[in-house]
């Protein structure tokens, strides 16, 4: 019996189609993840096809609290082209904090797509889900993702470097979100 996903709203912008991720997106997600430049700062089973598929399918179909999950990004001008995804999920799968994140295929880098999609997701987080705060844990060396976080109004609150994985925690509170 197929898994029934909780319905997430479309978060389209004038340039982007931001729709709930489905199992039809799994192959595109896996292809994106196999690009070592895309997953450079993210640990995962990218070279193990079975474990990789299991991970992407699980993250696509698992139950999340209302309004949370993964969205696929496509361009309005080319809706068949997968550009990546954004997420709004419980931090480390359990919360209580809620994490925002993004991942794009390389050909979509440098065009403001992650920032545009993340802004739409923040609006949803604060206005629809009524979250008070959203966090992001970003690898210290991942300058591009840190810039996206800053462009959407997030501030660095913790430097977790020095451990096994060096990352920085960013956050934004509802009243601090840019209009």
C-alpha atoms as a PDB file:
ATOM      1  CA  UNK A   1       0.000   0.000   0.000  1.00  0.00           C
ATOM      2  CA  UNK A   2       1.517   3.399  -0.973  1.00  0.00           C
ATOM      3  CA  UNK A   3       2.428   5.832   1.763  1.00  0.00           C
ATOM      4  CA  UNK A   4       0.050   8.765   2.002  1.00  0.00           C
ATOM      5  CA  UNK A   5       1.847  12.066   2.523  1.00  0.00           C
ATOM      6  CA  UNK A   6       0.426  14.896   4.591  1.00  0.00           C
ATOM      7  CA  UNK A   7      -0.430  17.700   2.188  1.00  0.00           C
ATOM      8  CA  UNK A   8       1.967  20.642   2.130  1.00  0.00           C
ATOM      9  CA  UNK A   9       1.035  23.936   0.485  1.00  0.00           C
ATOM     10  CA  UNK A  10       2.691  25.157  -2.702  1.00  0.00           C
ATOM     11  CA  UNK A  11       5.045  28.046  -1.930  1.00  0.00           C
ATOM     12  CA  UNK A  12       5.462  29.384  -5.463  1.00  0.00           C
ATOM     13  CA  UNK A  13       7.210  32.675  -6.121  1.00  0.00           C
ATOM     14  CA  UNK A  14       7.067  34.706  -9.355  1.00  0.00           C
ATOM     15  CA  UNK A  15      10.062  32.727 -10.641  1.00  0.00           C
ATOM     16  CA  UNK A  16       9.864  29.374  -8.839  1.00  0.00           C
ATOM     17  CA  UNK A  17       7.516  26.432  -8.416  1.00  0.00           C
ATOM     18  CA  UNK A  18       8.002  25.184  -4.861  1.00  0.00           C
ATOM     19  CA  UNK A  19       5.890  22.083  -4.375  1.00  0.00           C
ATOM     20  CA  UNK A  20       5.763  19.210  -1.926  1.00  0.00           C
ATOM     21  CA  UNK A  21       8.438  16.629  -2.686  1.00  0.00           C
ATOM     22  CA  UNK A  22       7.065  13.258  -3.764  1.00  0.00           C
ATOM     23  CA  UNK A  23       8.485   9.845  -4.557  1.00  0.00           C
ATOM     24  CA  UNK A  24       8.556  10.938  -8.212  1.00  0.00           C
ATOM     25  CA  UNK A  25      11.401  13.303  -7.207  1.00  0.00           C
ATOM     26  CA  UNK A  26      13.615  10.583  -5.678  1.00  0.00           C
ATOM     27  CA  UNK A  27      15.707   9.867  -8.793  1.00  0.00           C
ATOM     28  CA  UNK A  28      16.394  13.576  -9.353  1.00  0.00           C
ATOM     29  CA  UNK A  29      17.357  14.012  -5.685  1.00  0.00           C
ATOM     30  CA  UNK A  30      19.729  11.067  -5.901  1.00  0.00           C
ATOM     31  CA  UNK A  31      21.307  12.368  -9.097  1.00  0.00           C
ATOM     32  CA  UNK A  32      21.875  15.749  -7.448  1.00  0.00           C
ATOM     33  CA  UNK A  33      23.409  14.132  -4.351  1.00  0.00           C
ATOM     34  CA  UNK A  34      25.867  12.112  -6.434  1.00  0.00           C
ATOM     35  CA  UNK A  35      27.561  15.346  -7.539  1.00  0.00           C
ATOM     36  CA  UNK A  36      30.445  15.622  -5.044  1.00  0.00           C
ATOM     37  CA  UNK A  37      30.376  19.418  -5.276  1.00  0.00           C
ATOM     38  CA  UNK A  38      26.725  19.447  -4.133  1.00  0.00           C
ATOM     39  CA  UNK A  39      27.258  17.195  -1.099  1.00  0.00           C
ATOM     40  CA  UNK A  40      30.758  18.363  -0.253  1.00  0.00           C
ATOM     41  CA  UNK A  41      29.753  19.571   3.215  1.00  0.00           C
ATOM     42  CA  UNK A  42      27.034  16.994   3.930  1.00  0.00           C
ATOM     43  CA  UNK A  43      27.649  13.476   5.187  1.00  0.00           C
ATOM     44  CA  UNK A  44      25.480  10.818   3.609  1.00  0.00           C
ATOM     45  CA  UNK A  45      25.359   7.524   1.726  1.00  0.00           C
ATOM     46  CA  UNK A  46      25.838   9.243  -1.618  1.00  0.00           C
ATOM     47  CA  UNK A  47      27.902   6.394  -3.125  1.00  0.00           C
ATOM     48  CA  UNK A  48      25.706   3.535  -1.860  1.00  0.00           C
ATOM     49  CA  UNK A  49      22.663   3.423  -4.190  1.00  0.00           C
ATOM     50  CA  UNK A  50      20.538   1.248  -1.905  1.00  0.00           C
ATOM     51  CA  UNK A  51      21.160   3.210   1.300  1.00  0.00           C
ATOM     52  CA  UNK A  52      20.908   6.502  -0.608  1.00  0.00           C
ATOM     53  CA  UNK A  53      17.496   5.617  -2.105  1.00  0.00           C
ATOM     54  CA  UNK A  54      16.264   4.393   1.280  1.00  0.00           C
ATOM     55  CA  UNK A  55      17.327   7.695   2.905  1.00  0.00           C
ATOM     56  CA  UNK A  56      15.678   9.917   0.274  1.00  0.00           C
ATOM     57  CA  UNK A  57      12.480   7.851   0.250  1.00  0.00           C
ATOM     58  CA  UNK A  58      12.294   7.852   4.056  1.00  0.00           C
ATOM     59  CA  UNK A  59      12.781  11.612   4.256  1.00  0.00           C
ATOM     60  CA  UNK A  60      10.145  12.094   1.565  1.00  0.00           C
ATOM     61  CA  UNK A  61       7.472   9.827   3.093  1.00  0.00           C
ATOM     62  CA  UNK A  62       8.026   9.990   6.844  1.00  0.00           C
ATOM     63  CA  UNK A  63       5.421  11.818   8.884  1.00  0.00           C
ATOM     64  CA  UNK A  64       6.361  15.325   9.953  1.00  0.00           C
ATOM     65  CA  UNK A  65       4.411  17.712  12.147  1.00  0.00           C
ATOM     66  CA  UNK A  66       1.752  19.703  10.251  1.00  0.00           C
ATOM     67  CA  UNK A  67       3.234  22.168   7.767  1.00  0.00           C
ATOM     68  CA  UNK A  68       6.715  20.631   7.872  1.00  0.00           C
ATOM     69  CA  UNK A  69       8.508  18.523   5.288  1.00  0.00           C
ATOM     70  CA  UNK A  70      10.386  18.802   1.990  1.00  0.00           C
ATOM     71  CA  UNK A  71       9.543  20.855  -1.098  1.00  0.00           C
ATOM     72  CA  UNK A  72      10.956  20.416  -4.611  1.00  0.00           C
ATOM     73  CA  UNK A  73      12.111  23.524  -6.491  1.00  0.00           C
ATOM     74  CA  UNK A  74      11.541  24.003 -10.226  1.00  0.00           C
ATOM     75  CA  UNK A  75      11.632  27.111 -12.381  1.00  0.00           C
ATOM     76  CA  UNK A  76       8.342  28.494 -13.721  1.00  0.00           C
ATOM     77  CA  UNK A  77       9.978  28.877 -17.123  1.00  0.00           C
ATOM     78  CA  UNK A  78      11.042  25.208 -17.184  1.00  0.00           C
ATOM     79  CA  UNK A  79       8.776  23.194 -14.841  1.00  0.00           C
ATOM     80  CA  UNK A  80      10.177  19.825 -15.884  1.00  0.00           C
ATOM     81  CA  UNK A  81      13.694  20.767 -14.698  1.00  0.00           C
ATOM     82  CA  UNK A  82      14.478  19.735 -11.122  1.00  0.00           C
ATOM     83  CA  UNK A  83      16.550  22.445  -9.393  1.00  0.00           C
ATOM     84  CA  UNK A  84      16.707  21.072  -5.866  1.00  0.00           C
ATOM     85  CA  UNK A  85      14.750  21.220  -2.646  1.00  0.00           C
ATOM     86  CA  UNK A  86      14.125  23.123   0.559  1.00  0.00           C
ATOM     87  CA  UNK A  87      13.165  21.635   3.895  1.00  0.00           C
ATOM     88  CA  UNK A  88      11.500  22.671   7.095  1.00  0.00           C
ATOM     89  CA  UNK A  89      11.763  19.746   9.530  1.00  0.00           C
ATOM     90  CA  UNK A  90      12.368  19.028  13.207  1.00  0.00           C
ATOM     91  CA  UNK A  91      16.089  19.463  13.920  1.00  0.00           C
ATOM     92  CA  UNK A  92      17.863  16.089  13.797  1.00  0.00           C
ATOM     93  CA  UNK A  93      14.449  14.523  13.155  1.00  0.00           C
ATOM     94  CA  UNK A  94      13.201  15.102  16.681  1.00  0.00           C
ATOM     95  CA  UNK A  95      13.257  18.849  17.445  1.00  0.00           C
ATOM     96  CA  UNK A  96      12.156  20.705  19.408  1.00  0.00           C
ATOM     97  CA  UNK A  97      13.872  23.239  17.143  1.00  0.00           C
ATOM     98  CA  UNK A  98      12.793  23.393  13.506  1.00  0.00           C
ATOM     99  CA  UNK A  99      15.483  23.460  10.857  1.00  0.00           C
ATOM    100  CA  UNK A 100      15.417  25.114   7.455  1.00  0.00           C
ATOM    101  CA  UNK A 101      17.680  23.828   4.710  1.00  0.00           C
ATOM    102  CA  UNK A 102      18.276  23.874   0.971  1.00  0.00           C
ATOM    103  CA  UNK A 103      20.151  21.909  -1.669  1.00  0.00           C
ATOM    104  CA  UNK A 104      20.436  22.765  -5.360  1.00  0.00           C
ATOM    105  CA  UNK A 105      21.852  21.147  -8.465  1.00  0.00           C
ATOM    106  CA  UNK A 106      25.059  22.854  -9.521  1.00  0.00           C
ATOM    107  CA  UNK A 107      23.549  24.485 -12.635  1.00  0.00           C
ATOM    108  CA  UNK A 108      21.181  26.415 -10.319  1.00  0.00           C
ATOM    109  CA  UNK A 109      23.938  27.905  -8.149  1.00  0.00           C
ATOM    110  CA  UNK A 110      24.622  31.636  -8.113  1.00  0.00           C
ATOM    111  CA  UNK A 111      21.184  32.680  -9.371  1.00  0.00           C
ATOM    112  CA  UNK A 112      19.458  33.512  -6.073  1.00  0.00           C
ATOM    113  CA  UNK A 113      17.256  30.418  -6.246  1.00  0.00           C
ATOM    114  CA  UNK A 114      18.132  29.073  -2.777  1.00  0.00           C
ATOM    115  CA  UNK A 115      17.547  32.505  -1.242  1.00  0.00           C
ATOM    116  CA  UNK A 116      14.212  32.968  -3.026  1.00  0.00           C
ATOM    117  CA  UNK A 117      12.963  29.504  -2.059  1.00  0.00           C
ATOM    118  CA  UNK A 118      14.188  29.840   1.538  1.00  0.00           C
ATOM    119  CA  UNK A 119      12.420  33.206   1.911  1.00  0.00           C
ATOM    120  CA  UNK A 120       9.156  31.632   0.749  1.00  0.00           C
ATOM    121  CA  UNK A 121       9.690  28.804   3.233  1.00  0.00           C
ATOM    122  CA  UNK A 122      10.384  31.228   6.109  1.00  0.00           C
ATOM    123  CA  UNK A 123       7.173  33.079   5.327  1.00  0.00           C
ATOM    124  CA  UNK A 124       5.333  29.748   5.530  1.00  0.00           C
ATOM    125  CA  UNK A 125       7.140  28.865   8.788  1.00  0.00           C
ATOM    126  CA  UNK A 126       6.147  32.077  10.519  1.00  0.00           C
ATOM    127  CA  UNK A 127       2.765  32.936   8.978  1.00  0.00           C
ATOM    128  CA  UNK A 128       1.227  29.502   8.387  1.00  0.00           C
ATOM    129  CA  UNK A 129       2.925  27.131  10.826  1.00  0.00           C
ATOM    130  CA  UNK A 130       3.287  29.930  13.430  1.00  0.00           C
ATOM    131  CA  UNK A 131       6.782  28.951  14.501  1.00  0.00           C
ATOM    132  CA  UNK A 132       8.587  31.349  16.819  1.00  0.00           C
ATOM    133  CA  UNK A 133      12.069  30.481  15.581  1.00  0.00           C
ATOM    134  CA  UNK A 134      13.826  28.578  12.782  1.00  0.00           C
ATOM    135  CA  UNK A 135      17.424  27.334  12.892  1.00  0.00           C
ATOM    136  CA  UNK A 136      20.024  26.141  10.378  1.00  0.00           C
ATOM    137  CA  UNK A 137      23.226  24.241  11.092  1.00  0.00           C
ATOM    138  CA  UNK A 138      25.695  25.032   8.311  1.00  0.00           C
ATOM    139  CA  UNK A 139      29.202  23.725   7.755  1.00  0.00           C
ATOM    140  CA  UNK A 140      31.688  26.460   8.620  1.00  0.00           C
ATOM    141  CA  UNK A 141      33.380  26.113   5.224  1.00  0.00           C
ATOM    142  CA  UNK A 142      30.108  26.297   3.280  1.00  0.00           C
ATOM    143  CA  UNK A 143      30.307  30.008   2.485  1.00  0.00           C
ATOM    144  CA  UNK A 144      27.476  29.884  -0.099  1.00  0.00           C
ATOM    145  CA  UNK A 145      24.950  28.403   2.349  1.00  0.00           C
ATOM    146  CA  UNK A 146      26.041  30.776   5.084  1.00  0.00           C
ATOM    147  CA  UNK A 147      25.384  33.682   2.690  1.00  0.00           C
ATOM    148  CA  UNK A 148      21.906  32.340   1.907  1.00  0.00           C
ATOM    149  CA  UNK A 149      21.156  32.175   5.638  1.00  0.00           C
ATOM    150  CA  UNK A 150      22.327  35.768   6.093  1.00  0.00           C
ATOM    151  CA  UNK A 151      20.350  36.996   3.062  1.00  0.00           C
ATOM    152  CA  UNK A 152      17.134  35.609   4.539  1.00  0.00           C
ATOM    153  CA  UNK A 153      17.838  37.394   7.825  1.00  0.00           C
ATOM    154  CA  UNK A 154      19.378  34.586   9.870  1.00  0.00           C
ATOM    155  CA  UNK A 155      22.112  35.419  12.364  1.00  0.00           C
ATOM    156  CA  UNK A 156      24.940  33.192  13.523  1.00  0.00           C
ATOM    157  CA  UNK A 157      24.410  32.304  17.175  1.00  0.00           C
ATOM    158  CA  UNK A 158      26.881  29.474  17.791  1.00  0.00           C
ATOM    159  CA  UNK A 159      30.167  28.325  16.350  1.00  0.00           C
ATOM    160  CA  UNK A 160      30.341  24.546  16.798  1.00  0.00           C
ATOM    161  CA  UNK A 161      33.789  24.210  15.212  1.00  0.00           C
ATOM    162  CA  UNK A 162      36.513  22.129  16.727  1.00  0.00           C
ATOM    163  CA  UNK A 163      34.548  18.901  16.916  1.00  0.00           C
ATOM    164  CA  UNK A 164      34.231  16.077  14.455  1.00  0.00           C
ATOM    165  CA  UNK A 165      32.109  18.257  12.190  1.00  0.00           C
ATOM    166  CA  UNK A 166      32.649  22.000  12.075  1.00  0.00           C
ATOM    167  CA  UNK A 167      29.414  23.882  11.671  1.00  0.00           C
ATOM    168  CA  UNK A 168      27.723  27.051  12.770  1.00  0.00           C
ATOM    169  CA  UNK A 169      24.191  27.467  14.034  1.00  0.00           C
ATOM    170  CA  UNK A 170      22.089  30.242  12.547  1.00  0.00           C
ATOM    171  CA  UNK A 171      18.656  31.287  13.699  1.00  0.00           C
ATOM    172  CA  UNK A 172      15.880  33.719  13.009  1.00  0.00           C
ATOM    173  CA  UNK A 173      12.926  34.634  15.196  1.00  0.00           C
ATOM    174  CA  UNK A 174       9.514  35.450  13.807  1.00  0.00           C
ATOM    175  CA  UNK A 175       9.748  39.201  14.407  1.00  0.00           C
ATOM    176  CA  UNK A 176      13.191  39.397  12.780  1.00  0.00           C
ATOM    177  CA  UNK A 177      12.162  37.991   9.388  1.00  0.00           C
ATOM    178  CA  UNK A 178      12.554  40.463   6.540  1.00  0.00           C
ATOM    179  CA  UNK A 179       9.291  41.658   4.984  1.00  0.00           C
END
